[in-house]
Amino acid sequence: MLKIANLSKKFGEFQVLEDININAEKSSIYGLVGSNGCG
């Protein structure tokens, strides 16, 4: 299992991720989609 807790990321002043939590089970597939549809 992959566990990510409280992940945040900024590019300069632009906040792209804020307090993201993910628990990914083995053999699972996940996607991350932003507000503009890119991911």
PDB file of N, CA and C in Angstrom:
ATOM      1  N   MET A   1       0.842  -1.178   0.000  1.00  0.00           N
ATOM      2  CA  MET A   1       0.000   0.000   0.000  1.00  0.00           C
ATOM      3  C   MET A   1       0.884   1.236   0.000  1.00  0.00           C
ATOM      4  N   LEU A   2       0.430   2.247  -0.703  1.00  0.00           N
ATOM      5  CA  LEU A   2       1.079   3.557  -0.728  1.00  0.00           C
ATOM      6  C   LEU A   2       0.204   4.518   0.053  1.00  0.00           C
ATOM      7  N   LYS A   3       0.799   5.232   1.019  1.00  0.00           N
ATOM      8  CA  LYS A   3       0.043   6.191   1.819  1.00  0.00           C
ATOM      9  C   LYS A   3       0.709   7.556   1.720  1.00  0.00           C
ATOM     10  N   ILE A   4      -0.067   8.571   1.342  1.00  0.00           N
ATOM     11  CA  ILE A   4       0.399   9.957   1.285  1.00  0.00           C
ATOM     12  C   ILE A   4      -0.496  10.755   2.220  1.00  0.00           C
ATOM     13  N   ALA A   5       0.118  11.521   3.129  1.00  0.00           N
ATOM     14  CA  ALA A   5      -0.661  12.279   4.114  1.00  0.00           C
ATOM     15  C   ALA A   5      -0.249  13.742   4.113  1.00  0.00           C
ATOM     16  N   ASN A   6      -1.244  14.616   4.034  1.00  0.00           N
ATOM     17  CA  ASN A   6      -1.058  16.067   4.155  1.00  0.00           C
ATOM     18  C   ASN A   6      -0.075  16.644   3.136  1.00  0.00           C
ATOM     19  N   LEU A   7      -0.167  16.202   1.902  1.00  0.00           N
ATOM     20  CA  LEU A   7       0.710  16.681   0.837  1.00  0.00           C
ATOM     21  C   LEU A   7       0.243  18.042   0.338  1.00  0.00           C
ATOM     22  N   SER A   8       1.159  18.995   0.283  1.00  0.00           N
ATOM     23  CA  SER A   8       0.882  20.324  -0.269  1.00  0.00           C
ATOM     24  C   SER A   8       1.999  20.689  -1.232  1.00  0.00           C
ATOM     25  N   LYS A   9       1.676  21.478  -2.271  1.00  0.00           N
ATOM     26  CA  LYS A   9       2.675  21.896  -3.255  1.00  0.00           C
ATOM     27  C   LYS A   9       2.321  23.271  -3.785  1.00  0.00           C
ATOM     28  N   LYS A  10       3.337  24.130  -3.866  1.00  0.00           N
ATOM     29  CA  LYS A  10       3.197  25.460  -4.448  1.00  0.00           C
ATOM     30  C   LYS A  10       4.234  25.644  -5.540  1.00  0.00           C
ATOM     31  N   PHE A  11       3.873  26.404  -6.575  1.00  0.00           N
ATOM     32  CA  PHE A  11       4.811  26.884  -7.578  1.00  0.00           C
ATOM     33  C   PHE A  11       4.816  28.396  -7.430  1.00  0.00           C
ATOM     34  N   GLY A  12       5.823  28.907  -6.735  1.00  0.00           N
ATOM     35  CA  GLY A  12       5.832  30.330  -6.397  1.00  0.00           C
ATOM     36  C   GLY A  12       4.684  30.620  -5.450  1.00  0.00           C
ATOM     37  N   GLU A  13       3.796  31.517  -5.836  1.00  0.00           N
ATOM     38  CA  GLU A  13       2.622  31.847  -5.017  1.00  0.00           C
ATOM     39  C   GLU A  13       1.389  31.019  -5.394  1.00  0.00           C
ATOM     40  N   PHE A  14       1.506  30.167  -6.424  1.00  0.00           N
ATOM     41  CA  PHE A  14       0.368  29.399  -6.934  1.00  0.00           C
ATOM     42  C   PHE A  14       0.254  28.062  -6.204  1.00  0.00           C
ATOM     43  N   GLN A  15      -0.785  27.895  -5.388  1.00  0.00           N
ATOM     44  CA  GLN A  15      -1.029  26.656  -4.638  1.00  0.00           C
ATOM     45  C   GLN A  15      -1.686  25.638  -5.558  1.00  0.00           C
ATOM     46  N   VAL A  16      -1.002  24.509  -5.830  1.00  0.00           N
ATOM     47  CA  VAL A  16      -1.569  23.496  -6.724  1.00  0.00           C
ATOM     48  C   VAL A  16      -2.151  22.309  -5.967  1.00  0.00           C
ATOM     49  N   LEU A  17      -1.622  21.999  -4.798  1.00  0.00           N
ATOM     50  CA  LEU A  17      -2.154  20.946  -3.933  1.00  0.00           C
ATOM     51  C   LEU A  17      -2.175  21.463  -2.504  1.00  0.00           C
ATOM     52  N   GLU A  18      -3.210  21.089  -1.751  1.00  0.00           N
ATOM     53  CA  GLU A  18      -3.285  21.515  -0.355  1.00  0.00           C
ATOM     54  C   GLU A  18      -3.883  20.395   0.492  1.00  0.00           C
ATOM     55  N   ASP A  19      -3.067  19.857   1.401  1.00  0.00           N
ATOM     56  CA  ASP A  19      -3.486  18.818   2.356  1.00  0.00           C
ATOM     57  C   ASP A  19      -4.157  17.620   1.682  1.00  0.00           C
ATOM     58  N   ILE A  20      -3.487  17.038   0.691  1.00  0.00           N
ATOM     59  CA  ILE A  20      -3.997  15.868  -0.025  1.00  0.00           C
ATOM     60  C   ILE A  20      -3.633  14.602   0.747  1.00  0.00           C
ATOM     61  N   ASN A  21      -4.604  13.700   0.909  1.00  0.00           N
ATOM     62  CA  ASN A  21      -4.392  12.408   1.552  1.00  0.00           C
ATOM     63  C   ASN A  21      -4.832  11.310   0.591  1.00  0.00           C
ATOM     64  N   ILE A  22      -3.958  10.317   0.373  1.00  0.00           N
ATOM     65  CA  ILE A  22      -4.259   9.215  -0.539  1.00  0.00           C
ATOM     66  C   ILE A  22      -3.786   7.910   0.094  1.00  0.00           C
ATOM     67  N   ASN A  23      -4.650   6.895   0.068  1.00  0.00           N
ATOM     68  CA  ASN A  23      -4.283   5.532   0.431  1.00  0.00           C
ATOM     69  C   ASN A  23      -4.538   4.672  -0.800  1.00  0.00           C
ATOM     70  N   ALA A  24      -3.473   4.201  -1.435  1.00  0.00           N
ATOM     71  CA  ALA A  24      -3.598   3.417  -2.663  1.00  0.00           C
ATOM     72  C   ALA A  24      -3.267   1.954  -2.369  1.00  0.00           C
ATOM     73  N   GLU A  25      -4.225   1.092  -2.613  1.00  0.00           N
ATOM     74  CA  GLU A  25      -4.026  -0.341  -2.425  1.00  0.00           C
ATOM     75  C   GLU A  25      -3.223  -0.925  -3.589  1.00  0.00           C
ATOM     76  N   LYS A  26      -2.577  -2.046  -3.360  1.00  0.00           N
ATOM     77  CA  LYS A  26      -1.806  -2.733  -4.389  1.00  0.00           C
ATOM     78  C   LYS A  26      -2.702  -3.056  -5.591  1.00  0.00           C
ATOM     79  N   SER A  27      -2.183  -2.853  -6.778  1.00  0.00           N
ATOM     80  CA  SER A  27      -2.856  -3.114  -8.059  1.00  0.00           C
ATOM     81  C   SER A  27      -3.997  -2.147  -8.359  1.00  0.00           C
ATOM     82  N   SER A  28      -4.073  -1.025  -7.653  1.00  0.00           N
ATOM     83  CA  SER A  28      -5.095  -0.009  -7.920  1.00  0.00           C
ATOM     84  C   SER A  28      -4.543   1.040  -8.878  1.00  0.00           C
ATOM     85  N   ILE A  29      -5.435   1.684  -9.621  1.00  0.00           N
ATOM     86  CA  ILE A  29      -5.056   2.756 -10.537  1.00  0.00           C
ATOM     87  C   ILE A  29      -5.814   4.014 -10.133  1.00  0.00           C
ATOM     88  N   TYR A  30      -5.087   5.131  -9.985  1.00  0.00           N
ATOM     89  CA  TYR A  30      -5.681   6.399  -9.577  1.00  0.00           C
ATOM     90  C   TYR A  30      -5.259   7.492 -10.545  1.00  0.00           C
ATOM     91  N   GLY A  31      -6.055   8.538 -10.630  1.00  0.00           N
ATOM     92  CA  GLY A  31      -5.722   9.710 -11.432  1.00  0.00           C
ATOM     93  C   GLY A  31      -5.972  10.964 -10.619  1.00  0.00           C
ATOM     94  N   LEU A  32      -5.250  12.001 -10.934  1.00  0.00           N
ATOM     95  CA  LEU A  32      -5.417  13.294 -10.278  1.00  0.00           C
ATOM     96  C   LEU A  32      -5.831  14.298 -11.343  1.00  0.00           C
ATOM     97  N   VAL A  33      -6.994  14.911 -11.176  1.00  0.00           N
ATOM     98  CA  VAL A  33      -7.522  15.850 -12.157  1.00  0.00           C
ATOM     99  C   VAL A  33      -7.664  17.213 -11.504  1.00  0.00           C
ATOM    100  N   GLY A  34      -7.109  18.234 -12.148  1.00  0.00           N
ATOM    101  CA  GLY A  34      -7.197  19.591 -11.629  1.00  0.00           C
ATOM    102  C   GLY A  34      -8.483  20.278 -12.057  1.00  0.00           C
ATOM    103  N   SER A  35      -8.645  21.489 -11.585  1.00  0.00           N
ATOM    104  CA  SER A  35      -9.875  22.236 -11.857  1.00  0.00           C
ATOM    105  C   SER A  35     -10.078  22.541 -13.343  1.00  0.00           C
ATOM    106  N   ASN A  36      -8.993  22.568 -14.119  1.00  0.00           N
ATOM    107  CA  ASN A  36      -9.130  22.843 -15.551  1.00  0.00           C
ATOM    108  C   ASN A  36      -9.233  21.570 -16.386  1.00  0.00           C
ATOM    109  N   GLY A  37      -9.278  20.400 -15.734  1.00  0.00           N
ATOM    110  CA  GLY A  37      -9.422  19.139 -16.443  1.00  0.00           C
ATOM    111  C   GLY A  37      -8.120  18.442 -16.767  1.00  0.00           C
ATOM    112  N   CYS A  38      -6.987  19.075 -16.489  1.00  0.00           N
ATOM    113  CA  CYS A  38      -5.690  18.436 -16.719  1.00  0.00           C
ATOM    114  C   CYS A  38      -5.323  17.600 -15.504  1.00  0.00           C
ATOM    115  N   GLY A  39      -4.640  16.514 -15.721  1.00  0.00           N
ATOM    116  CA  GLY A  39      -4.241  15.702 -14.576  1.00  0.00           C
ATOM    117  C   GLY A  39      -3.313  14.595 -14.952  1.00  0.00           C
TER     118      GLY A  39
END
